[in-house]
Amino acid sequence: IKHSPGGSRIVVRIIPSLQEITFSVSDGGPGIPAQFLSKVFDRFFKVPGSKASGTGLGLAISKEFIEAQGGEIWVKSEIGAGSVFGFNLPA
């Protein structure tokens, strides 16, 4: 969300099923280059050239928390089209 231009659309989804609950947030930001997608959940990683402030710990901590609950966290992104961050938790 902090990487999205002001006034852009943010979509939050919650999809329950018998086995799991899926949460996702999509934005209209600049997107993340493909070569960095596998690193965004690493501690202290920041996409080179990003102007947003932060320590690079938020997604790493989120990943540890979600996995400790038996879930999975993921990201999908396309340059110029934005990103979708989501996670699944057992129901």
N, C-alpha and C. Protein backbone atom coordinates (compact mmCIF):
# COMPACT_ATOMS: atom_id res chain seq x y z
N ILE A 1 0.83 -1.18 0.00
CA ILE A 1 0.00 0.00 0.00
C ILE A 1 0.88 1.25 0.00
N LYS A 2 1.96 1.23 0.74
CA LYS A 2 2.79 2.43 0.80
C LYS A 2 3.54 2.67 -0.50
N HIS A 3 3.55 1.71 -1.41
CA HIS A 3 4.21 1.88 -2.70
C HIS A 3 3.24 2.32 -3.78
N SER A 4 1.96 2.40 -3.47
CA SER A 4 0.94 2.77 -4.45
C SER A 4 0.82 4.29 -4.55
N PRO A 5 0.54 4.79 -5.75
CA PRO A 5 0.31 6.23 -5.89
C PRO A 5 -0.94 6.65 -5.11
N GLY A 6 -0.94 7.87 -4.62
CA GLY A 6 -2.11 8.37 -3.91
C GLY A 6 -3.36 8.27 -4.77
N GLY A 7 -4.46 7.86 -4.16
CA GLY A 7 -5.71 7.75 -4.87
C GLY A 7 -5.89 6.47 -5.67
N SER A 8 -4.87 5.62 -5.70
CA SER A 8 -5.01 4.37 -6.46
C SER A 8 -5.87 3.37 -5.68
N ARG A 9 -6.39 2.42 -6.39
CA ARG A 9 -7.32 1.45 -5.81
C ARG A 9 -6.57 0.35 -5.06
N ILE A 10 -7.04 0.05 -3.86
CA ILE A 10 -6.53 -1.05 -3.04
C ILE A 10 -7.70 -2.01 -2.84
N VAL A 11 -7.46 -3.30 -3.08
CA VAL A 11 -8.52 -4.29 -2.93
C VAL A 11 -8.10 -5.32 -1.88
N VAL A 12 -8.94 -5.51 -0.88
CA VAL A 12 -8.71 -6.51 0.16
C VAL A 12 -9.74 -7.62 -0.03
N ARG A 13 -9.25 -8.86 -0.06
CA ARG A 13 -10.15 -10.01 -0.24
C ARG A 13 -9.94 -11.01 0.89
N ILE A 14 -11.04 -11.61 1.32
CA ILE A 14 -11.00 -12.72 2.28
C ILE A 14 -11.86 -13.82 1.68
N ILE A 15 -11.24 -14.97 1.44
CA ILE A 15 -11.95 -16.08 0.79
C ILE A 15 -11.88 -17.30 1.70
N PRO A 16 -12.99 -17.65 2.34
CA PRO A 16 -12.99 -18.84 3.21
C PRO A 16 -13.32 -20.11 2.41
N SER A 17 -12.75 -21.22 2.85
CA SER A 17 -13.13 -22.54 2.34
C SER A 17 -13.12 -23.49 3.52
N LEU A 18 -13.45 -24.74 3.29
CA LEU A 18 -13.45 -25.70 4.39
C LEU A 18 -12.06 -25.97 4.93
N GLN A 19 -11.04 -25.91 4.07
CA GLN A 19 -9.67 -26.24 4.48
C GLN A 19 -8.85 -25.04 4.93
N GLU A 20 -9.11 -23.86 4.34
CA GLU A 20 -8.27 -22.70 4.64
C GLU A 20 -9.02 -21.41 4.42
N ILE A 21 -8.41 -20.33 4.89
CA ILE A 21 -8.91 -18.99 4.65
C ILE A 21 -7.80 -18.24 3.92
N THR A 22 -8.12 -17.61 2.81
CA THR A 22 -7.15 -16.85 2.03
C THR A 22 -7.43 -15.37 2.18
N PHE A 23 -6.39 -14.62 2.53
CA PHE A 23 -6.45 -13.17 2.65
C PHE A 23 -5.53 -12.60 1.58
N SER A 24 -5.95 -11.54 0.89
CA SER A 24 -5.05 -10.90 -0.08
C SER A 24 -5.32 -9.41 -0.15
N VAL A 25 -4.27 -8.67 -0.52
CA VAL A 25 -4.34 -7.23 -0.72
C VAL A 25 -3.67 -6.94 -2.05
N SER A 26 -4.38 -6.28 -2.95
CA SER A 26 -3.79 -5.92 -4.24
C SER A 26 -3.76 -4.41 -4.36
N ASP A 27 -2.77 -3.92 -5.10
CA ASP A 27 -2.61 -2.48 -5.27
C ASP A 27 -2.32 -2.15 -6.73
N GLY A 28 -2.26 -0.88 -6.99
CA GLY A 28 -1.94 -0.40 -8.33
C GLY A 28 -0.58 0.26 -8.37
N GLY A 29 0.33 -0.22 -7.54
CA GLY A 29 1.66 0.35 -7.48
C GLY A 29 2.51 0.00 -8.68
N PRO A 30 3.80 0.29 -8.60
CA PRO A 30 4.68 0.08 -9.75
C PRO A 30 5.00 -1.38 -10.04
N GLY A 31 4.70 -2.27 -9.12
CA GLY A 31 5.05 -3.68 -9.31
C GLY A 31 6.47 -3.96 -8.86
N ILE A 32 6.80 -5.22 -8.74
CA ILE A 32 8.12 -5.67 -8.27
C ILE A 32 8.78 -6.44 -9.40
N PRO A 33 10.01 -6.08 -9.77
CA PRO A 33 10.69 -6.83 -10.82
C PRO A 33 10.79 -8.32 -10.46
N ALA A 34 10.61 -9.17 -11.45
CA ALA A 34 10.58 -10.63 -11.25
C ALA A 34 11.80 -11.15 -10.51
N GLN A 35 12.97 -10.58 -10.76
CA GLN A 35 14.18 -11.10 -10.13
C GLN A 35 14.21 -10.86 -8.62
N PHE A 36 13.31 -10.03 -8.10
CA PHE A 36 13.29 -9.76 -6.67
C PHE A 36 12.14 -10.44 -5.93
N LEU A 37 11.22 -11.06 -6.66
CA LEU A 37 10.05 -11.66 -6.01
C LEU A 37 10.42 -12.73 -4.99
N SER A 38 11.45 -13.51 -5.27
CA SER A 38 11.84 -14.58 -4.35
C SER A 38 12.56 -14.03 -3.11
N LYS A 39 12.88 -12.74 -3.10
CA LYS A 39 13.64 -12.15 -1.99
C LYS A 39 12.81 -11.25 -1.09
N VAL A 40 11.58 -10.91 -1.49
CA VAL A 40 10.84 -9.89 -0.73
C VAL A 40 10.52 -10.31 0.70
N PHE A 41 10.54 -11.60 1.00
CA PHE A 41 10.27 -12.07 2.36
C PHE A 41 11.55 -12.31 3.16
N ASP A 42 12.71 -11.97 2.59
CA ASP A 42 13.98 -12.10 3.29
C ASP A 42 14.17 -10.91 4.24
N ARG A 43 14.77 -11.18 5.40
CA ARG A 43 15.04 -10.11 6.36
C ARG A 43 15.93 -9.04 5.73
N PHE A 44 15.57 -7.80 5.97
CA PHE A 44 16.30 -6.60 5.56
C PHE A 44 16.32 -6.36 4.06
N PHE A 45 15.58 -7.16 3.29
CA PHE A 45 15.57 -6.93 1.84
C PHE A 45 14.66 -5.76 1.50
N LYS A 46 15.17 -4.89 0.64
CA LYS A 46 14.38 -3.80 0.07
C LYS A 46 14.65 -3.80 -1.43
N VAL A 47 13.61 -3.66 -2.22
CA VAL A 47 13.78 -3.64 -3.67
C VAL A 47 14.66 -2.45 -4.02
N PRO A 48 15.76 -2.69 -4.73
CA PRO A 48 16.65 -1.58 -5.11
C PRO A 48 15.87 -0.49 -5.85
N GLY A 49 16.13 0.75 -5.47
CA GLY A 49 15.47 1.89 -6.10
C GLY A 49 14.15 2.28 -5.45
N SER A 50 13.70 1.49 -4.48
CA SER A 50 12.44 1.80 -3.79
C SER A 50 12.61 3.09 -3.00
N LYS A 51 11.62 3.96 -3.08
CA LYS A 51 11.68 5.23 -2.37
C LYS A 51 10.97 5.18 -1.02
N ALA A 52 10.29 4.09 -0.75
CA ALA A 52 9.55 3.96 0.51
C ALA A 52 10.51 3.69 1.67
N SER A 53 10.18 4.25 2.82
CA SER A 53 11.02 4.02 3.99
C SER A 53 10.68 2.66 4.60
N GLY A 54 11.55 2.20 5.45
CA GLY A 54 11.31 0.93 6.14
C GLY A 54 12.61 0.21 6.38
N THR A 55 12.54 -0.83 7.20
CA THR A 55 13.73 -1.59 7.57
C THR A 55 13.91 -2.86 6.76
N GLY A 56 12.87 -3.27 6.04
CA GLY A 56 12.94 -4.54 5.33
C GLY A 56 12.64 -5.72 6.23
N LEU A 57 11.97 -5.47 7.34
CA LEU A 57 11.64 -6.56 8.26
C LEU A 57 10.16 -6.95 8.25
N GLY A 58 9.28 -6.07 7.83
CA GLY A 58 7.85 -6.32 7.92
C GLY A 58 7.39 -7.59 7.25
N LEU A 59 7.78 -7.81 6.00
CA LEU A 59 7.35 -9.02 5.29
C LEU A 59 8.02 -10.26 5.84
N ALA A 60 9.27 -10.13 6.30
CA ALA A 60 9.97 -11.29 6.89
C ALA A 60 9.28 -11.73 8.18
N ILE A 61 8.90 -10.77 9.01
CA ILE A 61 8.20 -11.09 10.25
C ILE A 61 6.83 -11.68 9.94
N SER A 62 6.15 -11.12 8.96
CA SER A 62 4.84 -11.66 8.55
C SER A 62 4.97 -13.10 8.10
N LYS A 63 6.00 -13.40 7.33
CA LYS A 63 6.22 -14.77 6.84
C LYS A 63 6.44 -15.73 8.01
N GLU A 64 7.28 -15.34 8.96
CA GLU A 64 7.54 -16.20 10.11
C GLU A 64 6.25 -16.45 10.91
N PHE A 65 5.46 -15.42 11.10
CA PHE A 65 4.21 -15.56 11.85
C PHE A 65 3.22 -16.47 11.13
N ILE A 66 3.02 -16.24 9.85
CA ILE A 66 2.07 -17.04 9.07
C ILE A 66 2.50 -18.50 9.03
N GLU A 67 3.78 -18.75 8.80
CA GLU A 67 4.27 -20.13 8.74
C GLU A 67 4.18 -20.82 10.10
N ALA A 68 4.36 -20.06 11.19
CA ALA A 68 4.23 -20.64 12.54
C ALA A 68 2.80 -21.09 12.81
N GLN A 69 1.84 -20.51 12.10
CA GLN A 69 0.43 -20.88 12.24
C GLN A 69 0.02 -21.96 11.24
N GLY A 70 1.00 -22.50 10.49
CA GLY A 70 0.71 -23.53 9.51
C GLY A 70 0.24 -22.99 8.17
N GLY A 71 0.46 -21.71 7.94
CA GLY A 71 0.01 -21.08 6.71
C GLY A 71 1.12 -20.86 5.70
N GLU A 72 0.76 -20.18 4.65
CA GLU A 72 1.67 -19.88 3.55
C GLU A 72 1.44 -18.43 3.13
N ILE A 73 2.52 -17.71 2.83
CA ILE A 73 2.43 -16.32 2.38
C ILE A 73 3.02 -16.25 0.98
N TRP A 74 2.49 -15.35 0.15
CA TRP A 74 2.91 -15.31 -1.24
C TRP A 74 2.74 -13.90 -1.82
N VAL A 75 3.39 -13.70 -2.96
CA VAL A 75 3.27 -12.44 -3.69
C VAL A 75 3.20 -12.74 -5.18
N LYS A 76 2.40 -11.97 -5.88
CA LYS A 76 2.36 -11.97 -7.34
C LYS A 76 2.49 -10.51 -7.75
N SER A 77 3.26 -10.25 -8.80
CA SER A 77 3.46 -8.87 -9.19
C SER A 77 3.76 -8.76 -10.67
N GLU A 78 3.38 -7.63 -11.23
CA GLU A 78 3.65 -7.34 -12.63
C GLU A 78 4.06 -5.87 -12.72
N ILE A 79 5.18 -5.61 -13.37
CA ILE A 79 5.66 -4.24 -13.51
C ILE A 79 4.58 -3.40 -14.18
N GLY A 80 4.28 -2.25 -13.59
CA GLY A 80 3.30 -1.34 -14.13
C GLY A 80 1.85 -1.69 -13.82
N ALA A 81 1.61 -2.86 -13.24
CA ALA A 81 0.24 -3.29 -12.96
C ALA A 81 -0.02 -3.51 -11.48
N GLY A 82 1.00 -3.44 -10.65
CA GLY A 82 0.80 -3.60 -9.22
C GLY A 82 1.15 -4.98 -8.70
N SER A 83 0.84 -5.19 -7.44
CA SER A 83 1.19 -6.43 -6.74
C SER A 83 -0.01 -6.95 -5.96
N VAL A 84 0.03 -8.25 -5.71
CA VAL A 84 -0.94 -8.89 -4.82
C VAL A 84 -0.13 -9.64 -3.77
N PHE A 85 -0.32 -9.29 -2.51
CA PHE A 85 0.28 -10.02 -1.40
C PHE A 85 -0.85 -10.77 -0.72
N GLY A 86 -0.59 -12.02 -0.38
CA GLY A 86 -1.62 -12.78 0.28
C GLY A 86 -1.07 -13.86 1.18
N PHE A 87 -1.96 -14.43 1.95
CA PHE A 87 -1.57 -15.57 2.77
C PHE A 87 -2.77 -16.47 2.99
N ASN A 88 -2.49 -17.73 3.23
CA ASN A 88 -3.49 -18.74 3.53
C ASN A 88 -3.24 -19.24 4.94
N LEU A 89 -4.31 -19.45 5.68
CA LEU A 89 -4.22 -20.06 7.01
C LEU A 89 -5.19 -21.23 7.07
N PRO A 90 -4.80 -22.29 7.79
CA PRO A 90 -5.73 -23.42 7.94
C PRO A 90 -7.02 -22.95 8.61
N ALA A 91 -8.14 -23.51 8.17
CA ALA A 91 -9.44 -23.13 8.74
C ALA A 91 -9.64 -23.80 10.09
